[in-house]
PDB file of N, CA and C in Angstrom:
ATOM      1  N   MET A   1       0.679  -1.067   0.070  1.00  0.00           N
ATOM      2  CA  MET A   1       0.112   0.451   0.305  1.00  0.00           C
ATOM      3  C   MET A   1       0.819   1.200  -0.028  1.00  0.00           C
ATOM      4  N   GLU A   2       0.418   1.965  -0.718  1.00  0.00           N
ATOM      5  CA  GLU A   2       1.450   3.143  -0.917  1.00  0.00           C
ATOM      6  C   GLU A   2       0.847   4.310  -0.496  1.00  0.00           C
ATOM      7  N   HIS A   3       1.814   5.680   0.015  1.00  0.00           N
ATOM      8  CA  HIS A   3       0.668   6.595   0.331  1.00  0.00           C
ATOM      9  C   HIS A   3      -0.171   7.588  -0.705  1.00  0.00           C
ATOM     10  N   LEU A   4      -1.435   7.897  -0.351  1.00  0.00           N
ATOM     11  CA  LEU A   4      -2.329   8.632  -1.121  1.00  0.00           C
ATOM     12  C   LEU A   4      -2.070  10.188  -0.821  1.00  0.00           C
ATOM     13  N   GLN A   5      -1.554  10.769  -1.915  1.00  0.00           N
ATOM     14  CA  GLN A   5      -1.648  12.124  -1.993  1.00  0.00           C
ATOM     15  C   GLN A   5      -2.561  12.677  -2.945  1.00  0.00           C
ATOM     16  N   ILE A   6      -3.739  13.781  -2.371  1.00  0.00           N
ATOM     17  CA  ILE A   6      -4.266  14.307  -3.927  1.00  0.00           C
ATOM     18  C   ILE A   6      -4.285  16.045  -3.613  1.00  0.00           C
ATOM     19  N   GLU A   7      -3.525  16.868  -4.380  1.00  0.00           N
ATOM     20  CA  GLU A   7      -3.944  18.367  -4.299  1.00  0.00           C
ATOM     21  C   GLU A   7      -5.415  18.911  -4.189  1.00  0.00           C
ATOM     22  N   PRO A   8      -5.604  19.876  -3.147  1.00  0.00           N
ATOM     23  CA  PRO A   8      -6.970  20.301  -3.457  1.00  0.00           C
ATOM     24  C   PRO A   8      -7.645  21.332  -4.472  1.00  0.00           C
ATOM     25  N   THR A   9      -8.540  21.430  -5.067  1.00  0.00           N
ATOM     26  CA  THR A   9      -9.192  22.258  -5.954  1.00  0.00           C
ATOM     27  C   THR A   9     -10.206  23.376  -5.476  1.00  0.00           C
ATOM     28  N   ASN A  10     -10.579  23.758  -6.312  1.00  0.00           N
ATOM     29  CA  ASN A  10     -11.845  25.046  -5.757  1.00  0.00           C
ATOM     30  C   ASN A  10     -12.916  24.297  -5.528  1.00  0.00           C
ATOM     31  N   TYR A  11     -13.050  22.781  -6.263  1.00  0.00           N
ATOM     32  CA  TYR A  11     -14.369  22.014  -5.522  1.00  0.00           C
ATOM     33  C   TYR A  11     -13.680  20.806  -4.599  1.00  0.00           C
ATOM     34  N   SER A  12     -12.789  20.130  -4.670  1.00  0.00           N
ATOM     35  CA  SER A  12     -12.190  18.778  -4.133  1.00  0.00           C
ATOM     36  C   SER A  12     -11.337  19.200  -2.908  1.00  0.00           C
ATOM     37  N   PRO A  13     -11.097  18.498  -1.718  1.00  0.00           N
ATOM     38  CA  PRO A  13     -10.164  18.733  -0.587  1.00  0.00           C
ATOM     39  C   PRO A  13      -8.567  18.000  -1.430  1.00  0.00           C
ATOM     40  N   SER A  14      -8.161  18.739  -0.315  1.00  0.00           N
ATOM     41  CA  SER A  14      -6.486  17.760  -0.181  1.00  0.00           C
ATOM     42  C   SER A  14      -7.238  16.865   0.527  1.00  0.00           C
ATOM     43  N   VAL A  15      -5.683  15.397  -0.001  1.00  0.00           N
ATOM     44  CA  VAL A  15      -6.056  14.348   0.782  1.00  0.00           C
ATOM     45  C   VAL A  15      -4.417  13.976   0.842  1.00  0.00           C
ATOM     46  N   SER A  16      -4.154  13.258   2.012  1.00  0.00           N
ATOM     47  CA  SER A  16      -2.957  12.529   2.328  1.00  0.00           C
ATOM     48  C   SER A  16      -3.338  11.722   3.621  1.00  0.00           C
ATOM     49  N   PHE A  17      -3.117  10.042   2.316  1.00  0.00           N
ATOM     50  CA  PHE A  17      -3.509   9.087   3.395  1.00  0.00           C
ATOM     51  C   PHE A  17      -1.990   8.119   3.206  1.00  0.00           C
ATOM     52  N   ASN A  18      -1.595   8.058   4.674  1.00  0.00           N
ATOM     53  CA  ASN A  18      -0.503   7.816   4.619  1.00  0.00           C
ATOM     54  C   ASN A  18      -0.722   6.010   5.591  1.00  0.00           C
ATOM     55  N   PRO A  19      -0.110   5.080   4.889  1.00  0.00           N
ATOM     56  CA  PRO A  19      -0.240   3.441   5.425  1.00  0.00           C
ATOM     57  C   PRO A  19       0.100   3.435   6.622  1.00  0.00           C
ATOM     58  N   SER A  20       0.605   4.369   7.435  1.00  0.00           N
ATOM     59  CA  SER A  20       1.259   4.404   8.839  1.00  0.00           C
ATOM     60  C   SER A  20      -0.373   4.231   9.714  1.00  0.00           C
ATOM     61  N   GLY A  21      -1.285   4.681   9.462  1.00  0.00           N
ATOM     62  CA  GLY A  21      -2.525   5.188   9.615  1.00  0.00           C
ATOM     63  C   GLY A  21      -2.719   6.422   9.687  1.00  0.00           C
ATOM     64  N   VAL A  22      -2.239   7.715   9.788  1.00  0.00           N
ATOM     65  CA  VAL A  22      -2.264   8.664   9.713  1.00  0.00           C
ATOM     66  C   VAL A  22      -3.147   9.600   8.348  1.00  0.00           C
ATOM     67  N   LEU A  23      -4.024   9.528   8.202  1.00  0.00           N
ATOM     68  CA  LEU A  23      -5.096  10.088   7.333  1.00  0.00           C
ATOM     69  C   LEU A  23      -5.377  11.561   7.711  1.00  0.00           C
ATOM     70  N   SER A  24      -5.551  12.240   6.552  1.00  0.00           N
ATOM     71  CA  SER A  24      -6.411  13.533   6.351  1.00  0.00           C
ATOM     72  C   SER A  24      -6.912  14.136   5.123  1.00  0.00           C
ATOM     73  N   ILE A  25      -8.039  14.757   5.382  1.00  0.00           N
ATOM     74  CA  ILE A  25      -8.824  15.394   4.459  1.00  0.00           C
ATOM     75  C   ILE A  25      -9.220  16.845   4.791  1.00  0.00           C
ATOM     76  N   LYS A  26      -8.842  17.872   3.982  1.00  0.00           N
ATOM     77  CA  LYS A  26      -9.126  19.026   4.523  1.00  0.00           C
ATOM     78  C   LYS A  26      -9.626  19.807   3.090  1.00  0.00           C
ATOM     79  N   GLY A  27     -10.182  20.883   3.481  1.00  0.00           N
ATOM     80  CA  GLY A  27     -10.595  21.855   2.002  1.00  0.00           C
ATOM     81  C   GLY A  27     -11.976  21.781   2.491  1.00  0.00           C
ATOM     82  N   ARG A  28     -12.407  22.196   0.665  1.00  0.00           N
ATOM     83  CA  ARG A  28     -13.780  21.833   0.384  1.00  0.00           C
ATOM     84  C   ARG A  28     -14.263  20.825  -0.768  1.00  0.00           C
ATOM     85  N   SER A  29     -15.447  20.105  -0.599  1.00  0.00           N
ATOM     86  CA  SER A  29     -16.060  19.053  -1.063  1.00  0.00           C
ATOM     87  C   SER A  29     -17.312  19.419  -1.986  1.00  0.00           C
ATOM     88  N   LEU A  30     -17.059  20.246  -2.700  1.00  0.00           N
ATOM     89  CA  LEU A  30     -18.629  20.434  -3.495  1.00  0.00           C
ATOM     90  C   LEU A  30     -18.573  19.486  -5.079  1.00  0.00           C
ATOM     91  N   MET A  31     -17.958  18.973  -5.106  1.00  0.00           N
ATOM     92  CA  MET A  31     -18.121  17.988  -6.629  1.00  0.00           C
ATOM     93  C   MET A  31     -19.552  17.727  -6.986  1.00  0.00           C
ATOM     94  N   LEU A  32     -20.001  17.806  -8.228  1.00  0.00           N
ATOM     95  CA  LEU A  32     -21.176  17.313  -8.603  1.00  0.00           C
ATOM     96  C   LEU A  32     -21.105  15.863  -8.633  1.00  0.00           C
ATOM     97  N   ARG A  33     -19.970  15.096  -8.515  1.00  0.00           N
ATOM     98  CA  ARG A  33     -19.258  13.838  -9.056  1.00  0.00           C
ATOM     99  C   ARG A  33     -19.007  13.109  -7.685  1.00  0.00           C
ATOM    100  N   ALA A  34     -19.220  13.398  -6.831  1.00  0.00           N
ATOM    101  CA  ALA A  34     -18.611  12.916  -5.528  1.00  0.00           C
ATOM    102  C   ALA A  34     -18.295  11.524  -5.378  1.00  0.00           C
ATOM    103  N   SER A  35     -19.169  10.698  -6.085  1.00  0.00           N
ATOM    104  CA  SER A  35     -19.077   9.253  -5.987  1.00  0.00           C
ATOM    105  C   SER A  35     -17.596   8.996  -6.566  1.00  0.00           C
ATOM    106  N   SER A  36     -17.681   9.654  -8.027  1.00  0.00           N
ATOM    107  CA  SER A  36     -16.460   8.968  -8.359  1.00  0.00           C
ATOM    108  C   SER A  36     -14.922   9.164  -7.972  1.00  0.00           C
ATOM    109  N   TYR A  37     -15.011  10.700  -7.211  1.00  0.00           N
ATOM    110  CA  TYR A  37     -13.975  10.982  -6.538  1.00  0.00           C
ATOM    111  C   TYR A  37     -13.414  10.390  -5.486  1.00  0.00           C
ATOM    112  N   TYR A  38     -14.545  10.131  -4.505  1.00  0.00           N
ATOM    113  CA  TYR A  38     -14.239   9.058  -3.475  1.00  0.00           C
ATOM    114  C   TYR A  38     -13.993   7.893  -3.867  1.00  0.00           C
ATOM    115  N   LYS A  39     -14.144   7.116  -4.684  1.00  0.00           N
ATOM    116  CA  LYS A  39     -14.109   5.509  -4.733  1.00  0.00           C
ATOM    117  C   LYS A  39     -13.044   5.178  -4.736  1.00  0.00           C
ATOM    118  N   PRO A  40     -11.722   6.025  -5.269  1.00  0.00           N
ATOM    119  CA  PRO A  40     -10.470   5.523  -5.055  1.00  0.00           C
ATOM    120  C   PRO A  40      -9.602   5.657  -3.558  1.00  0.00           C
ATOM    121  N   LEU A  41     -10.541   6.767  -2.954  1.00  0.00           N
ATOM    122  CA  LEU A  41      -9.803   7.142  -1.176  1.00  0.00           C
ATOM    123  C   LEU A  41     -10.952   5.950  -0.741  1.00  0.00           C
ATOM    124  N   ILE A  42     -11.982   5.689  -0.706  1.00  0.00           N
ATOM    125  CA  ILE A  42     -12.757   4.392  -0.174  1.00  0.00           C
ATOM    126  C   ILE A  42     -12.101   3.163  -0.332  1.00  0.00           C
ATOM    127  N   ASN A  43     -11.523   3.017  -1.510  1.00  0.00           N
ATOM    128  CA  ASN A  43     -10.834   1.689  -1.881  1.00  0.00           C
ATOM    129  C   ASN A  43      -9.804   1.661  -1.328  1.00  0.00           C
ATOM    130  N   TRP A  44      -8.957   2.619  -1.225  1.00  0.00           N
ATOM    131  CA  TRP A  44      -7.513   2.942  -0.486  1.00  0.00           C
ATOM    132  C   TRP A  44      -7.858   2.471   1.242  1.00  0.00           C
ATOM    133  N   ILE A  45      -8.831   3.173   1.763  1.00  0.00           N
ATOM    134  CA  ILE A  45      -8.808   2.839   3.446  1.00  0.00           C
ATOM    135  C   ILE A  45      -9.458   1.481   3.526  1.00  0.00           C
ATOM    136  N   ALA A  46     -10.261   0.632   2.771  1.00  0.00           N
ATOM    137  CA  ALA A  46     -10.407  -0.557   2.637  1.00  0.00           C
ATOM    138  C   ALA A  46      -9.416  -1.754   3.153  1.00  0.00           C
ATOM    139  N   GLY A  47      -8.387  -1.405   2.166  1.00  0.00           N
ATOM    140  CA  GLY A  47      -6.948  -2.054   2.289  1.00  0.00           C
ATOM    141  C   GLY A  47      -6.328  -1.739   3.505  1.00  0.00           C
ATOM    142  N   ILE A  48      -6.491  -0.516   4.632  1.00  0.00           N
ATOM    143  CA  ILE A  48      -5.444  -0.173   5.435  1.00  0.00           C
ATOM    144  C   ILE A  48      -5.487  -1.150   6.443  1.00  0.00           C
ATOM    145  N   GLU A  49      -4.226  -1.332   6.672  1.00  0.00           N
ATOM    146  CA  GLU A  49      -3.254  -2.509   7.645  1.00  0.00           C
ATOM    147  C   GLU A  49      -2.819  -1.847   9.008  1.00  0.00           C
ATOM    148  N   ALA A  50      -3.211  -0.575   9.203  1.00  0.00           N
ATOM    149  CA  ALA A  50      -2.264  -0.101  10.543  1.00  0.00           C
ATOM    150  C   ALA A  50      -3.313  -0.257  11.566  1.00  0.00           C
ATOM    151  N   LYS A  51      -2.372  -0.450  12.560  1.00  0.00           N
ATOM    152  CA  LYS A  51      -3.527  -0.977  13.932  1.00  0.00           C
ATOM    153  C   LYS A  51      -3.767   0.275  14.602  1.00  0.00           C
ATOM    154  N   THR A  52      -3.296   1.725  14.535  1.00  0.00           N
ATOM    155  CA  THR A  52      -4.114   2.728  14.668  1.00  0.00           C
ATOM    156  C   THR A  52      -4.488   3.873  13.754  1.00  0.00           C
ATOM    157  N   VAL A  53      -5.210   4.484  13.786  1.00  0.00           N
ATOM    158  CA  VAL A  53      -5.869   5.092  12.688  1.00  0.00           C
ATOM    159  C   VAL A  53      -5.892   6.407  13.203  1.00  0.00           C
ATOM    160  N   HIS A  54      -5.253   7.720  13.070  1.00  0.00           N
ATOM    161  CA  HIS A  54      -5.430   9.067  13.041  1.00  0.00           C
ATOM    162  C   HIS A  54      -5.817   9.489  11.600  1.00  0.00           C
ATOM    163  N   PHE A  55      -7.615   9.919  11.870  1.00  0.00           N
ATOM    164  CA  PHE A  55      -8.028  10.797  10.651  1.00  0.00           C
ATOM    165  C   PHE A  55      -8.465  12.326  11.215  1.00  0.00           C
ATOM    166  N   THR A  56      -7.569  13.076  10.338  1.00  0.00           N
ATOM    167  CA  THR A  56      -7.996  14.408  10.567  1.00  0.00           C
ATOM    168  C   THR A  56      -9.042  15.035   9.437  1.00  0.00           C
ATOM    169  N   VAL A  57     -10.004  15.576   9.684  1.00  0.00           N
ATOM    170  CA  VAL A  57     -11.516  16.152   9.193  1.00  0.00           C
ATOM    171  C   VAL A  57     -11.292  17.619   9.182  1.00  0.00           C
ATOM    172  N   GLU A  58     -10.696  18.566   8.319  1.00  0.00           N
ATOM    173  CA  GLU A  58     -10.619  20.217   8.515  1.00  0.00           C
ATOM    174  C   GLU A  58     -11.362  20.109   7.098  1.00  0.00           C
ATOM    175  N   MET A  59     -12.753  20.328   6.699  1.00  0.00           N
ATOM    176  CA  MET A  59     -13.639  20.307   5.961  1.00  0.00           C
ATOM    177  C   MET A  59     -14.478  21.975   5.945  1.00  0.00           C
ATOM    178  N   ASP A  60     -14.079  22.850   4.981  1.00  0.00           N
ATOM    179  CA  ASP A  60     -14.650  24.177   5.578  1.00  0.00           C
ATOM    180  C   ASP A  60     -15.823  24.296   4.824  1.00  0.00           C
ATOM    181  N   CYS A  61     -16.970  23.031   3.766  1.00  0.00           N
ATOM    182  CA  CYS A  61     -17.820  23.491   3.198  1.00  0.00           C
ATOM    183  C   CYS A  61     -17.817  22.033   2.222  1.00  0.00           C
ATOM    184  N   PHE A  62     -19.313  21.329   2.562  1.00  0.00           N
ATOM    185  CA  PHE A  62     -19.194  19.891   1.743  1.00  0.00           C
ATOM    186  C   PHE A  62     -20.294  19.670   1.486  1.00  0.00           C
ATOM    187  N   ASN A  63     -21.259  19.234   0.176  1.00  0.00           N
ATOM    188  CA  ASN A  63     -22.585  18.764   0.607  1.00  0.00           C
ATOM    189  C   ASN A  63     -22.938  17.406   0.881  1.00  0.00           C
ATOM    190  N   SER A  64     -24.150  17.660   0.521  1.00  0.00           N
ATOM    191  CA  SER A  64     -24.436  16.157   1.247  1.00  0.00           C
ATOM    192  C   SER A  64     -24.057  14.685   0.274  1.00  0.00           C
ATOM    193  N   MET A  65     -23.900  14.646  -0.620  1.00  0.00           N
ATOM    194  CA  MET A  65     -22.975  13.526  -1.217  1.00  0.00           C
ATOM    195  C   MET A  65     -21.788  13.107  -0.490  1.00  0.00           C
ATOM    196  N   SER A  66     -21.061  14.496  -0.065  1.00  0.00           N
ATOM    197  CA  SER A  66     -19.642  13.858   0.188  1.00  0.00           C
ATOM    198  C   SER A  66     -19.887  13.740   1.599  1.00  0.00           C
ATOM    199  N   SER A  67     -20.438  13.903   1.940  1.00  0.00           N
ATOM    200  CA  SER A  67     -20.899  13.959   3.564  1.00  0.00           C
ATOM    201  C   SER A  67     -21.180  12.336   3.661  1.00  0.00           C
ATOM    202  N   LYS A  68     -22.086  11.829   2.906  1.00  0.00           N
ATOM    203  CA  LYS A  68     -22.077   9.924   2.635  1.00  0.00           C
ATOM    204  C   LYS A  68     -21.165   9.664   2.707  1.00  0.00           C
ATOM    205  N   LYS A  69     -19.937   9.549   1.490  1.00  0.00           N
ATOM    206  CA  LYS A  69     -19.035   9.341   1.462  1.00  0.00           C
ATOM    207  C   LYS A  69     -18.118   9.418   2.044  1.00  0.00           C
ATOM    208  N   LEU A  70     -18.112  10.329   3.132  1.00  0.00           N
ATOM    209  CA  LEU A  70     -17.080  10.614   4.763  1.00  0.00           C
ATOM    210  C   LEU A  70     -17.463   9.657   5.458  1.00  0.00           C
ATOM    211  N   LEU A  71     -18.862   9.648   5.619  1.00  0.00           N
ATOM    212  CA  LEU A  71     -19.090   8.741   6.476  1.00  0.00           C
ATOM    213  C   LEU A  71     -18.890   6.964   6.352  1.00  0.00           C
ATOM    214  N   GLU A  72     -19.254   7.121   4.993  1.00  0.00           N
ATOM    215  CA  GLU A  72     -18.487   5.574   4.275  1.00  0.00           C
ATOM    216  C   GLU A  72     -17.181   4.906   4.828  1.00  0.00           C
ATOM    217  N   MET A  73     -16.622   6.545   4.788  1.00  0.00           N
ATOM    218  CA  MET A  73     -15.005   5.940   4.945  1.00  0.00           C
ATOM    219  C   MET A  73     -14.566   6.130   6.201  1.00  0.00           C
ATOM    220  N   LEU A  74     -15.098   6.653   7.175  1.00  0.00           N
ATOM    221  CA  LEU A  74     -15.314   6.323   8.795  1.00  0.00           C
ATOM    222  C   LEU A  74     -16.115   4.898   9.248  1.00  0.00           C
ATOM    223  N   LYS A  75     -16.987   4.456   8.429  1.00  0.00           N
ATOM    224  CA  LYS A  75     -17.543   3.424   8.956  1.00  0.00           C
ATOM    225  C   LYS A  75     -16.530   1.867   8.568  1.00  0.00           C
ATOM    226  N   ILE A  76     -15.971   2.465   7.407  1.00  0.00           N
ATOM    227  CA  ILE A  76     -15.141   1.247   6.723  1.00  0.00           C
ATOM    228  C   ILE A  76     -13.912   1.246   7.971  1.00  0.00           C
ATOM    229  N   VAL A  77     -13.202   2.212   8.288  1.00  0.00           N
ATOM    230  CA  VAL A  77     -12.557   2.384   9.456  1.00  0.00           C
ATOM    231  C   VAL A  77     -12.747   1.914  11.087  1.00  0.00           C
ATOM    232  N   ASP A  78     -13.855   2.063  11.515  1.00  0.00           N
ATOM    233  CA  ASP A  78     -14.520   1.900  12.337  1.00  0.00           C
ATOM    234  C   ASP A  78     -14.601   0.318  12.568  1.00  0.00           C
ATOM    235  N   GLU A  79     -15.079  -0.303  11.222  1.00  0.00           N
ATOM    236  CA  GLU A  79     -15.899  -1.443  11.362  1.00  0.00           C
ATOM    237  C   GLU A  79     -14.478  -2.666  11.298  1.00  0.00           C
ATOM    238  N   ASN A  80     -13.233  -2.172  10.776  1.00  0.00           N
ATOM    239  CA  ASN A  80     -12.119  -2.918  10.283  1.00  0.00           C
ATOM    240  C   ASN A  80     -11.739  -3.448  11.806  1.00  0.00           C
ATOM    241  N   ASN A  81     -11.740  -4.456  12.301  1.00  0.00           N
ATOM    242  CA  ASN A  81     -11.501  -5.543  13.440  1.00  0.00           C
ATOM    243  C   ASN A  81      -9.701  -5.566  13.270  1.00  0.00           C
ATOM    244  N   ASN A  82      -9.220  -4.959  12.370  1.00  0.00           N
ATOM    245  CA  ASN A  82      -7.359  -5.443  12.779  1.00  0.00           C
ATOM    246  C   ASN A  82      -7.208  -3.724  13.474  1.00  0.00           C
ATOM    247  N   ILE A  83      -8.048  -3.057  13.471  1.00  0.00           N
ATOM    248  CA  ILE A  83      -7.616  -1.261  13.852  1.00  0.00           C
ATOM    249  C   ILE A  83      -8.109  -1.313  15.256  1.00  0.00           C
ATOM    250  N   GLY A  84      -7.214  -1.620  16.261  1.00  0.00           N
ATOM    251  CA  GLY A  84      -7.476  -1.120  17.446  1.00  0.00           C
ATOM    252  C   GLY A  84      -8.019   0.173  18.126  1.00  0.00           C
ATOM    253  N   GLU A  85      -7.330   0.983  17.522  1.00  0.00           N
ATOM    254  CA  GLU A  85      -7.737   2.686  18.306  1.00  0.00           C
ATOM    255  C   GLU A  85      -7.671   3.405  17.153  1.00  0.00           C
ATOM    256  N   PHE A  86      -8.742   4.267  17.136  1.00  0.00           N
ATOM    257  CA  PHE A  86      -9.384   4.848  16.138  1.00  0.00           C
ATOM    258  C   PHE A  86     -10.273   6.095  16.311  1.00  0.00           C
ATOM    259  N   VAL A  87      -9.006   7.499  16.242  1.00  0.00           N
ATOM    260  CA  VAL A  87      -9.516   8.954  16.434  1.00  0.00           C
ATOM    261  C   VAL A  87      -9.374   9.460  15.100  1.00  0.00           C
ATOM    262  N   VAL A  88     -10.522  10.130  15.346  1.00  0.00           N
ATOM    263  CA  VAL A  88     -11.301  11.608  14.625  1.00  0.00           C
ATOM    264  C   VAL A  88     -10.789  12.667  15.024  1.00  0.00           C
ATOM    265  N   TYR A  89      -9.905  13.740  14.230  1.00  0.00           N
ATOM    266  CA  TYR A  89      -9.865  14.996  14.837  1.00  0.00           C
ATOM    267  C   TYR A  89     -10.753  15.855  13.758  1.00  0.00           C
ATOM    268  N   TRP A  90     -11.737  16.285  14.381  1.00  0.00           N
ATOM    269  CA  TRP A  90     -12.689  17.225  13.635  1.00  0.00           C
ATOM    270  C   TRP A  90     -12.643  18.568  13.899  1.00  0.00           C
ATOM    271  N   GLY A  91     -12.215  18.612  12.739  1.00  0.00           N
ATOM    272  CA  GLY A  91     -11.846  20.478  12.860  1.00  0.00           C
ATOM    273  C   GLY A  91     -12.989  21.128  12.566  1.00  0.00           C
ATOM    274  N   PHE A  92     -13.341  22.456  12.875  1.00  0.00           N
ATOM    275  CA  PHE A  92     -14.489  23.268  12.514  1.00  0.00           C
ATOM    276  C   PHE A  92     -14.364  24.573  12.864  1.00  0.00           C
ATOM    277  N   GLU A  93     -14.445  25.817  11.883  1.00  0.00           N
ATOM    278  CA  GLU A  93     -14.328  27.331  12.469  1.00  0.00           C
ATOM    279  C   GLU A  93     -15.045  27.799  13.518  1.00  0.00           C
ATOM    280  N   MET A  94     -14.543  28.421  13.966  1.00  0.00           N
ATOM    281  CA  MET A  94     -15.420  28.619  15.509  1.00  0.00           C
ATOM    282  C   MET A  94     -16.704  28.804  15.366  1.00  0.00           C
ATOM    283  N   HIS A  95     -17.240  29.555  14.497  1.00  0.00           N
ATOM    284  CA  HIS A  95     -18.195  29.914  15.042  1.00  0.00           C
ATOM    285  C   HIS A  95     -19.430  29.004  13.718  1.00  0.00           C
ATOM    286  N   ASP A  96     -18.734  28.005  13.348  1.00  0.00           N
ATOM    287  CA  ASP A  96     -19.530  27.186  12.392  1.00  0.00           C
ATOM    288  C   ASP A  96     -20.255  26.144  12.848  1.00  0.00           C
ATOM    289  N   GLU A  97     -21.351  26.281  13.431  1.00  0.00           N
ATOM    290  CA  GLU A  97     -22.108  25.255  14.613  1.00  0.00           C
ATOM    291  C   GLU A  97     -22.726  24.247  13.610  1.00  0.00           C
ATOM    292  N   ASP A  98     -22.969  24.304  12.428  1.00  0.00           N
ATOM    293  CA  ASP A  98     -23.108  23.140  11.577  1.00  0.00           C
ATOM    294  C   ASP A  98     -22.207  22.072  11.191  1.00  0.00           C
ATOM    295  N   THR A  99     -21.020  22.658  11.025  1.00  0.00           N
ATOM    296  CA  THR A  99     -19.920  21.479  10.617  1.00  0.00           C
ATOM    297  C   THR A  99     -19.764  20.604  11.636  1.00  0.00           C
ATOM    298  N   LEU A 100     -19.498  21.766  13.256  1.00  0.00           N
ATOM    299  CA  LEU A 100     -19.451  20.836  14.533  1.00  0.00           C
ATOM    300  C   LEU A 100     -20.392  19.811  14.465  1.00  0.00           C
ATOM    301  N   LEU A 101     -22.018  20.302  14.052  1.00  0.00           N
ATOM    302  CA  LEU A 101     -23.037  19.024  14.649  1.00  0.00           C
ATOM    303  C   LEU A 101     -22.982  18.342  13.521  1.00  0.00           C
ATOM    304  N   LYS A 102     -22.421  18.431  12.357  1.00  0.00           N
ATOM    305  CA  LYS A 102     -22.007  17.482  11.460  1.00  0.00           C
ATOM    306  C   LYS A 102     -21.279  16.248  11.965  1.00  0.00           C
ATOM    307  N   GLY A 103     -20.078  17.103  12.901  1.00  0.00           N
ATOM    308  CA  GLY A 103     -19.062  15.752  13.222  1.00  0.00           C
ATOM    309  C   GLY A 103     -19.924  15.184  14.495  1.00  0.00           C
ATOM    310  N   GLN A 104     -20.290  15.712  15.173  1.00  0.00           N
ATOM    311  CA  GLN A 104     -20.904  15.226  16.633  1.00  0.00           C
ATOM    312  C   GLN A 104     -22.164  14.122  16.034  1.00  0.00           C
ATOM    313  N   ASN A 105     -22.739  14.433  14.809  1.00  0.00           N
ATOM    314  CA  ASN A 105     -23.900  13.418  14.262  1.00  0.00           C
ATOM    315  C   ASN A 105     -22.958  12.076  14.027  1.00  0.00           C
ATOM    316  N   LEU A 106     -21.857  12.359  12.869  1.00  0.00           N
ATOM    317  CA  LEU A 106     -21.057  11.212  12.327  1.00  0.00           C
ATOM    318  C   LEU A 106     -20.298  10.247  13.781  1.00  0.00           C
ATOM    319  N   GLU A 107     -19.999  11.397  14.915  1.00  0.00           N
ATOM    320  CA  GLU A 107     -19.478  10.390  16.139  1.00  0.00           C
ATOM    321  C   GLU A 107     -20.599   9.560  16.946  1.00  0.00           C
ATOM    322  N   ARG A 108     -21.937  10.164  16.913  1.00  0.00           N
ATOM    323  CA  ARG A 108     -23.218   9.128  17.031  1.00  0.00           C
ATOM    324  C   ARG A 108     -23.385   7.783  16.508  1.00  0.00           C
ATOM    325  N   ARG A 109     -23.030   7.778  15.358  1.00  0.00           N
ATOM    326  CA  ARG A 109     -22.939   6.882  14.051  1.00  0.00           C
ATOM    327  C   ARG A 109     -22.235   5.683  13.999  1.00  0.00           C
ATOM    328  N   LEU A 110     -20.782   5.666  14.711  1.00  0.00           N
ATOM    329  CA  LEU A 110     -19.664   5.254  14.814  1.00  0.00           C
ATOM    330  C   LEU A 110     -19.710   4.248  16.657  1.00  0.00           C
ATOM    331  N   LYS A 111     -18.947   3.451  16.268  1.00  0.00           N
ATOM    332  CA  LYS A 111     -18.960   2.602  17.097  1.00  0.00           C
ATOM    333  C   LYS A 111     -17.244   2.739  18.062  1.00  0.00           C
ATOM    334  N   LYS A 112     -16.592   2.476  17.035  1.00  0.00           N
ATOM    335  CA  LYS A 112     -14.813   2.513  18.125  1.00  0.00           C
ATOM    336  C   LYS A 112     -14.687   3.887  17.676  1.00  0.00           C
ATOM    337  N   ALA A 113     -14.723   4.932  16.971  1.00  0.00           N
ATOM    338  CA  ALA A 113     -14.267   6.102  17.075  1.00  0.00           C
ATOM    339  C   ALA A 113     -14.046   7.018  17.925  1.00  0.00           C
ATOM    340  N   ARG A 114     -13.334   7.732  18.366  1.00  0.00           N
ATOM    341  CA  ARG A 114     -13.368   8.713  19.395  1.00  0.00           C
ATOM    342  C   ARG A 114     -13.085   9.898  18.739  1.00  0.00           C
ATOM    343  N   PHE A 115     -13.846  10.781  19.021  1.00  0.00           N
ATOM    344  CA  PHE A 115     -13.858  12.250  18.348  1.00  0.00           C
ATOM    345  C   PHE A 115     -13.173  13.552  18.800  1.00  0.00           C
ATOM    346  N   GLN A 116     -12.433  13.967  18.805  1.00  0.00           N
ATOM    347  CA  GLN A 116     -11.770  14.937  19.375  1.00  0.00           C
ATOM    348  C   GLN A 116     -12.161  15.955  18.326  1.00  0.00           C
ATOM    349  N   PHE A 117     -12.771  17.279  18.927  1.00  0.00           N
ATOM    350  CA  PHE A 117     -13.302  18.549  18.195  1.00  0.00           C
ATOM    351  C   PHE A 117     -12.448  19.741  18.252  1.00  0.00           C
ATOM    352  N   LEU A 118     -11.866  19.995  17.224  1.00  0.00           N
ATOM    353  CA  LEU A 118     -10.598  21.494  17.207  1.00  0.00           C
ATOM    354  C   LEU A 118     -11.476  22.507  16.888  1.00  0.00           C
ATOM    355  N   LYS A 119     -11.228  23.475  17.513  1.00  0.00           N
ATOM    356  CA  LYS A 119     -11.852  24.827  17.039  1.00  0.00           C
ATOM    357  C   LYS A 119     -10.754  25.254  16.300  1.00  0.00           C
ATOM    358  N   LEU A 120     -10.680  25.920  14.968  1.00  0.00           N
ATOM    359  CA  LEU A 120      -9.859  26.133  14.118  1.00  0.00           C
ATOM    360  C   LEU A 120      -9.933  27.573  14.342  1.00  0.00           C
ATOM    361  N   ALA A 121      -8.899  28.537  13.783  1.00  0.00           N
ATOM    362  CA  ALA A 121      -9.003  29.855  13.445  1.00  0.00           C
ATOM    363  C   ALA A 121      -9.849  30.241  11.827  1.00  0.00           C
ATOM    364  N   GLY A 122      -9.440  29.575  11.177  1.00  0.00           N
ATOM    365  CA  GLY A 122     -10.185  29.353   9.812  1.00  0.00           C
ATOM    366  C   GLY A 122      -9.316  28.325   8.996  1.00  0.00           C
ATOM    367  N   VAL A 123     -10.230  27.879   8.225  1.00  0.00           N
ATOM    368  CA  VAL A 123      -9.645  26.558   7.574  1.00  0.00           C
ATOM    369  C   VAL A 123      -9.377  27.184   6.180  1.00  0.00           C
TER     370      VAL A 123
END
């Protein structure tokens, strides 16, 4: 498994997935075809073999399909029995309650993941 690095655009986030279990996705996710963008990310995550996963999510804006795909990725990690520790660092801007609430909603839907909510000065 190789390191996956994707540069951001105006409509898609930056991605850095390291086989060691350090994952991050940052920026905006407003693609019309989010399914095709997230498919290789989901496939990569399905093959992760790390014992510990630290997943940083710092999204300043994302649409409903991107939210579904993010949940799908988090569930894959959460349900992987080979992963003992799963921590999600959910970043949100100080006055952005919507993004905080989205993170809290995701946290309730996962079993193993521990969320740490991080107030950011600006994403």
